[in-house]
Amino acid sequence: MRNIVLGLMIAAALIAATMPLMAHHSFAAEFDSSKQVKLAGVVTKVDWTNPHVWFYFNVKDENGQVTNWGAEMGPPHLLQGQGWTRTSMKIGDSIVVQGSLAKNGSKRLNARNVTTPDGKKMGAASSEGVQP
């Protein structure tokens, strides 16, 4: 009986450990690495949360039309390892973002790197796995 209980506890622990992985998306499910883009804009919002940091920025096209884009970066702990802090990017900052477009055509991308207002190019801990 003791072995059965122990076996059930181990099985439950293994299932619980894989739950976050099942809920997490893969890069290839949402983004297309063959569709690279470089956009300049002004930060409108930053969500410094797990499992990914997202920021939003307004991009003005050649006709003056402004579109709000969303960009996914890696998790906070990986970004901190690359020099980011919660306050590195602020609303109103002018930035340049390079990354991979969303497969569904929405105004979203997976950021590979971000150039900050002071000209510093910072890695974005992209889930694509390729960094500058």
Protein backbone atom coordinates (compact mmCIF):
# COMPACT_ATOMS: atom_id res chain seq x y z
CA MET A 1 0.00 0.00 0.00
CA ARG A 2 2.83 2.36 0.89
CA ASN A 3 4.42 1.86 -2.56
CA ILE A 4 1.11 2.67 -4.27
CA VAL A 5 0.73 5.91 -2.34
CA LEU A 6 4.34 6.84 -3.06
CA GLY A 7 3.82 6.07 -6.76
CA LEU A 8 0.68 8.23 -6.89
CA MET A 9 2.47 11.08 -5.18
CA ILE A 10 5.33 10.91 -7.69
CA ALA A 11 2.88 10.78 -10.62
CA ALA A 12 0.98 13.78 -9.26
CA ALA A 13 4.22 15.74 -8.82
CA LEU A 14 5.30 14.97 -12.39
CA ILE A 15 1.93 16.07 -13.77
CA ALA A 16 1.99 19.27 -11.73
CA ALA A 17 5.53 20.03 -12.90
CA THR A 18 4.55 19.80 -16.57
CA MET A 19 1.40 21.94 -16.27
CA PRO A 20 3.22 25.28 -16.81
CA LEU A 21 4.96 23.83 -19.86
CA MET A 22 1.67 22.77 -21.41
CA ALA A 23 0.16 26.21 -20.81
CA HIS A 24 3.16 28.00 -22.28
CA HIS A 25 3.25 28.62 -26.03
CA SER A 26 6.20 27.98 -28.27
CA PHE A 27 7.78 30.71 -30.38
CA ALA A 28 6.94 28.86 -33.61
CA ALA A 29 3.25 28.61 -32.70
CA GLU A 30 2.80 32.40 -32.68
CA PHE A 31 5.68 34.05 -34.52
CA ASP A 32 7.40 33.65 -37.90
CA SER A 33 11.20 33.91 -37.76
CA SER A 34 11.32 34.39 -41.55
CA LYS A 35 9.34 37.66 -41.19
CA GLN A 36 11.76 40.03 -39.48
CA VAL A 37 10.84 43.65 -38.86
CA LYS A 38 12.52 46.75 -37.45
CA LEU A 39 10.14 49.36 -36.03
CA ALA A 40 10.69 52.69 -34.32
CA GLY A 41 8.12 54.08 -31.96
CA VAL A 42 7.16 55.52 -28.60
CA VAL A 43 6.44 53.29 -25.58
CA THR A 44 2.81 53.43 -24.38
CA LYS A 45 2.71 50.58 -21.84
CA VAL A 46 5.04 48.06 -20.15
CA ASP A 47 3.81 44.85 -18.49
CA TRP A 48 6.75 43.49 -16.48
CA THR A 49 5.20 40.12 -15.61
CA ASN A 50 5.81 36.39 -15.94
CA PRO A 51 5.98 34.37 -18.09
CA HIS A 52 6.89 37.13 -20.61
CA VAL A 53 7.40 40.85 -20.44
CA TRP A 54 5.22 42.68 -22.95
CA PHE A 55 5.48 46.28 -24.02
CA TYR A 56 3.37 48.36 -26.37
CA PHE A 57 4.51 51.21 -28.57
CA ASN A 58 3.05 53.58 -31.14
CA VAL A 59 4.54 53.37 -34.62
CA LYS A 60 3.93 56.13 -37.17
CA ASP A 61 3.91 55.05 -40.84
CA GLU A 62 4.99 57.12 -43.84
CA ASN A 63 1.45 58.61 -44.09
CA GLY A 64 1.43 59.73 -40.46
CA GLN A 65 -0.96 56.95 -39.40
CA VAL A 66 -0.20 55.76 -35.84
CA THR A 67 -0.60 52.08 -34.96
CA ASN A 68 -0.08 50.54 -31.53
CA TRP A 69 2.12 47.42 -31.59
CA GLY A 70 2.68 44.83 -28.88
CA ALA A 71 6.08 43.20 -28.38
CA GLU A 72 6.86 40.11 -26.37
CA MET A 73 10.20 39.75 -24.64
CA GLY A 74 11.52 36.97 -22.44
CA PRO A 75 10.77 36.47 -18.75
CA PRO A 76 11.89 39.08 -16.20
CA HIS A 77 14.68 36.94 -14.73
CA LEU A 78 16.35 36.43 -18.13
CA LEU A 79 15.97 40.11 -19.00
CA GLN A 80 17.57 41.09 -15.69
CA GLY A 81 20.50 38.85 -16.62
CA GLN A 82 20.91 40.97 -19.77
CA GLY A 83 20.91 44.26 -17.84
CA TRP A 84 17.20 45.15 -17.89
CA THR A 85 15.34 46.41 -14.84
CA ARG A 86 11.65 47.05 -14.31
CA THR A 87 12.30 50.74 -15.06
CA SER A 88 14.63 50.38 -18.07
CA MET A 89 11.79 51.16 -20.46
CA LYS A 90 9.40 53.97 -19.60
CA ILE A 91 6.21 55.30 -21.15
CA GLY A 92 7.21 58.01 -23.61
CA ASP A 93 10.60 56.50 -24.46
CA SER A 94 11.52 56.48 -28.16
CA ILE A 95 12.78 53.00 -29.05
CA VAL A 96 13.70 50.82 -32.01
CA VAL A 97 12.61 47.18 -31.91
CA GLN A 98 13.79 44.30 -34.07
CA GLY A 99 11.95 41.01 -34.04
CA SER A 100 9.71 38.45 -35.68
CA LEU A 101 6.15 39.23 -36.75
CA ALA A 102 3.09 37.37 -35.49
CA LYS A 103 1.87 34.61 -37.81
CA ASN A 104 -1.74 35.77 -37.57
CA GLY A 105 -1.00 39.20 -39.07
CA SER A 106 -1.78 41.13 -35.88
CA LYS A 107 0.36 44.08 -34.81
CA ARG A 108 2.48 41.94 -32.50
CA LEU A 109 6.04 40.74 -32.60
CA ASN A 110 8.54 38.74 -30.63
CA ALA A 111 11.32 41.21 -29.88
CA ARG A 112 14.87 40.08 -30.54
CA ASN A 113 16.43 43.33 -29.36
CA VAL A 114 15.48 46.86 -28.34
CA THR A 115 17.52 50.01 -28.86
CA THR A 116 16.90 52.39 -25.96
CA PRO A 117 16.70 56.21 -26.19
CA ASP A 118 20.40 56.49 -25.28
CA GLY A 119 21.34 54.25 -28.25
CA LYS A 120 22.07 51.11 -26.25
CA LYS A 121 21.04 47.92 -28.09
CA MET A 122 19.77 45.37 -25.55
CA GLY A 123 18.84 41.73 -26.07
CA ALA A 124 15.21 40.90 -25.37
CA ALA A 125 15.67 37.30 -24.13
CA SER A 126 13.58 36.19 -27.10
CA SER A 127 11.96 32.79 -27.05
CA GLU A 128 13.23 32.45 -30.63
CA GLY A 129 16.57 31.52 -29.12
CA VAL A 130 18.76 33.81 -31.28
CA GLN A 131 20.18 36.89 -29.62
CA PRO A 132 22.19 39.81 -31.04
